[in-house]
């Protein structure tokens, strides 16, 4: 592949990698469900949360930052009462899984 072809393919490759990250974050939130909000088998329930979490991950420097982002976005979308019922162990598992997915994305995208 020539240099020009490589440059033209880069945005498409990055979009595919970001889409995979997005899908993984939706799946993580659905499977772990840190605040117990899904009652049905529908991962789409977490689309808004995944979108706003991903938009803020670039600002995170530590796992605690990611955990705070997750908590803030879950509170934003589901309210304080639901957040009060969160399971700290499931929140920690979601944080670790999202951090891992984010780091893989950064490694693959060269950012």
Protein backbone atom coordinates (compact mmCIF):
# COMPACT_ATOMS: atom_id res chain seq x y z
CA UNK A 1 0.00 0.00 0.00
CA UNK A 2 1.39 3.39 -0.95
CA UNK A 3 1.74 6.29 1.49
CA UNK A 4 -1.28 8.07 -0.04
CA UNK A 5 -3.45 4.96 0.10
CA UNK A 6 -2.43 4.40 3.70
CA UNK A 7 -3.40 7.98 4.62
CA UNK A 8 -6.75 7.70 2.86
CA UNK A 9 -7.54 4.43 4.62
CA UNK A 10 -6.65 5.78 8.09
CA UNK A 11 -9.97 7.58 8.82
CA UNK A 12 -11.99 4.51 7.83
CA UNK A 13 -9.81 2.29 9.99
CA UNK A 14 -10.16 4.69 12.94
CA UNK A 15 -13.94 4.81 12.50
CA UNK A 16 -14.09 1.00 12.56
CA UNK A 17 -11.90 0.87 15.67
CA UNK A 18 -14.03 3.52 17.40
CA UNK A 19 -17.22 1.65 16.46
CA UNK A 20 -15.76 -1.52 17.98
CA UNK A 21 -14.91 0.42 21.16
CA UNK A 22 -18.42 1.88 21.27
CA UNK A 23 -20.00 -1.57 20.85
CA UNK A 24 -17.71 -2.98 23.56
CA UNK A 25 -18.64 -0.22 26.04
CA UNK A 26 -22.37 -0.80 25.39
CA UNK A 27 -21.83 -4.54 25.98
CA UNK A 28 -19.83 -3.90 29.17
CA UNK A 29 -22.54 -1.66 30.61
CA UNK A 30 -25.24 -4.16 29.65
CA UNK A 31 -23.45 -7.25 30.97
CA UNK A 32 -22.18 -5.73 34.22
CA UNK A 33 -25.08 -3.30 34.78
CA UNK A 34 -23.47 -1.44 37.69
CA UNK A 35 -26.73 0.12 38.92
CA UNK A 36 -29.21 -2.61 38.00
CA UNK A 37 -31.24 -0.74 35.38
CA UNK A 38 -31.77 -3.32 32.68
CA UNK A 39 -34.78 -5.50 33.17
CA UNK A 40 -34.92 -6.84 29.66
CA UNK A 41 -32.38 -8.31 27.29
CA UNK A 42 -31.72 -5.11 25.37
CA UNK A 43 -28.20 -3.72 25.25
CA UNK A 44 -29.54 -0.67 23.37
CA UNK A 45 -30.71 0.62 26.77
CA UNK A 46 -27.12 1.72 27.40
CA UNK A 47 -26.53 3.59 24.12
CA UNK A 48 -26.90 7.10 25.61
CA UNK A 49 -24.64 6.27 28.57
CA UNK A 50 -21.98 4.69 26.36
CA UNK A 51 -22.02 7.69 24.05
CA UNK A 52 -21.53 10.24 26.82
CA UNK A 53 -18.95 8.10 28.65
CA UNK A 54 -16.88 7.72 25.47
CA UNK A 55 -17.06 11.45 24.80
CA UNK A 56 -15.35 12.08 28.14
CA UNK A 57 -12.74 9.29 28.30
CA UNK A 58 -10.00 11.35 26.68
CA UNK A 59 -10.02 13.56 29.81
CA UNK A 60 -9.44 10.58 32.13
CA UNK A 61 -5.92 10.02 33.41
CA UNK A 62 -6.53 7.35 36.05
CA UNK A 63 -9.01 4.55 36.70
CA UNK A 64 -10.62 6.74 39.38
CA UNK A 65 -11.33 9.33 36.68
CA UNK A 66 -13.05 6.69 34.55
CA UNK A 67 -15.07 5.51 37.55
CA UNK A 68 -16.17 9.09 38.25
CA UNK A 69 -17.17 9.55 34.62
CA UNK A 70 -19.20 6.33 34.70
CA UNK A 71 -20.94 7.35 37.92
CA UNK A 72 -21.68 10.87 36.69
CA UNK A 73 -23.12 9.64 33.41
CA UNK A 74 -25.21 6.92 35.05
CA UNK A 75 -26.53 9.54 37.49
CA UNK A 76 -27.26 11.87 34.57
CA UNK A 77 -29.23 9.24 32.68
CA UNK A 78 -30.86 7.35 35.56
CA UNK A 79 -31.01 9.75 38.50
CA UNK A 80 -29.60 9.87 41.98
CA UNK A 81 -31.96 7.22 43.41
CA UNK A 82 -30.79 4.57 40.96
CA UNK A 83 -27.17 5.51 41.56
CA UNK A 84 -27.70 4.97 45.30
CA UNK A 85 -28.44 1.32 44.51
CA UNK A 86 -25.18 0.78 42.68
CA UNK A 87 -23.08 -2.26 43.42
CA UNK A 88 -19.50 -1.10 44.15
CA UNK A 89 -18.06 -4.40 42.90
CA UNK A 90 -19.94 -4.20 39.61
CA UNK A 91 -18.94 -0.55 39.24
CA UNK A 92 -15.29 -1.54 39.77
CA UNK A 93 -15.63 -4.34 37.18
CA UNK A 94 -17.20 -1.93 34.67
CA UNK A 95 -14.44 0.61 35.32
CA UNK A 96 -11.69 -1.96 34.76
CA UNK A 97 -13.37 -3.31 31.61
CA UNK A 98 -13.90 0.18 30.13
CA UNK A 99 -10.33 1.22 30.99
CA UNK A 100 -9.03 -1.91 29.27
CA UNK A 101 -11.17 -1.32 26.18
CA UNK A 102 -10.09 2.34 26.04
CA UNK A 103 -6.40 1.43 26.34
CA UNK A 104 -6.73 -1.17 23.55
CA UNK A 105 -8.39 1.46 21.36
CA UNK A 106 -5.58 3.93 22.05
CA UNK A 107 -2.95 1.30 21.23
CA UNK A 108 -4.68 0.30 17.98
CA UNK A 109 -5.34 3.84 16.86
CA UNK A 110 -1.81 5.01 17.61
CA UNK A 111 -3.03 7.89 19.75
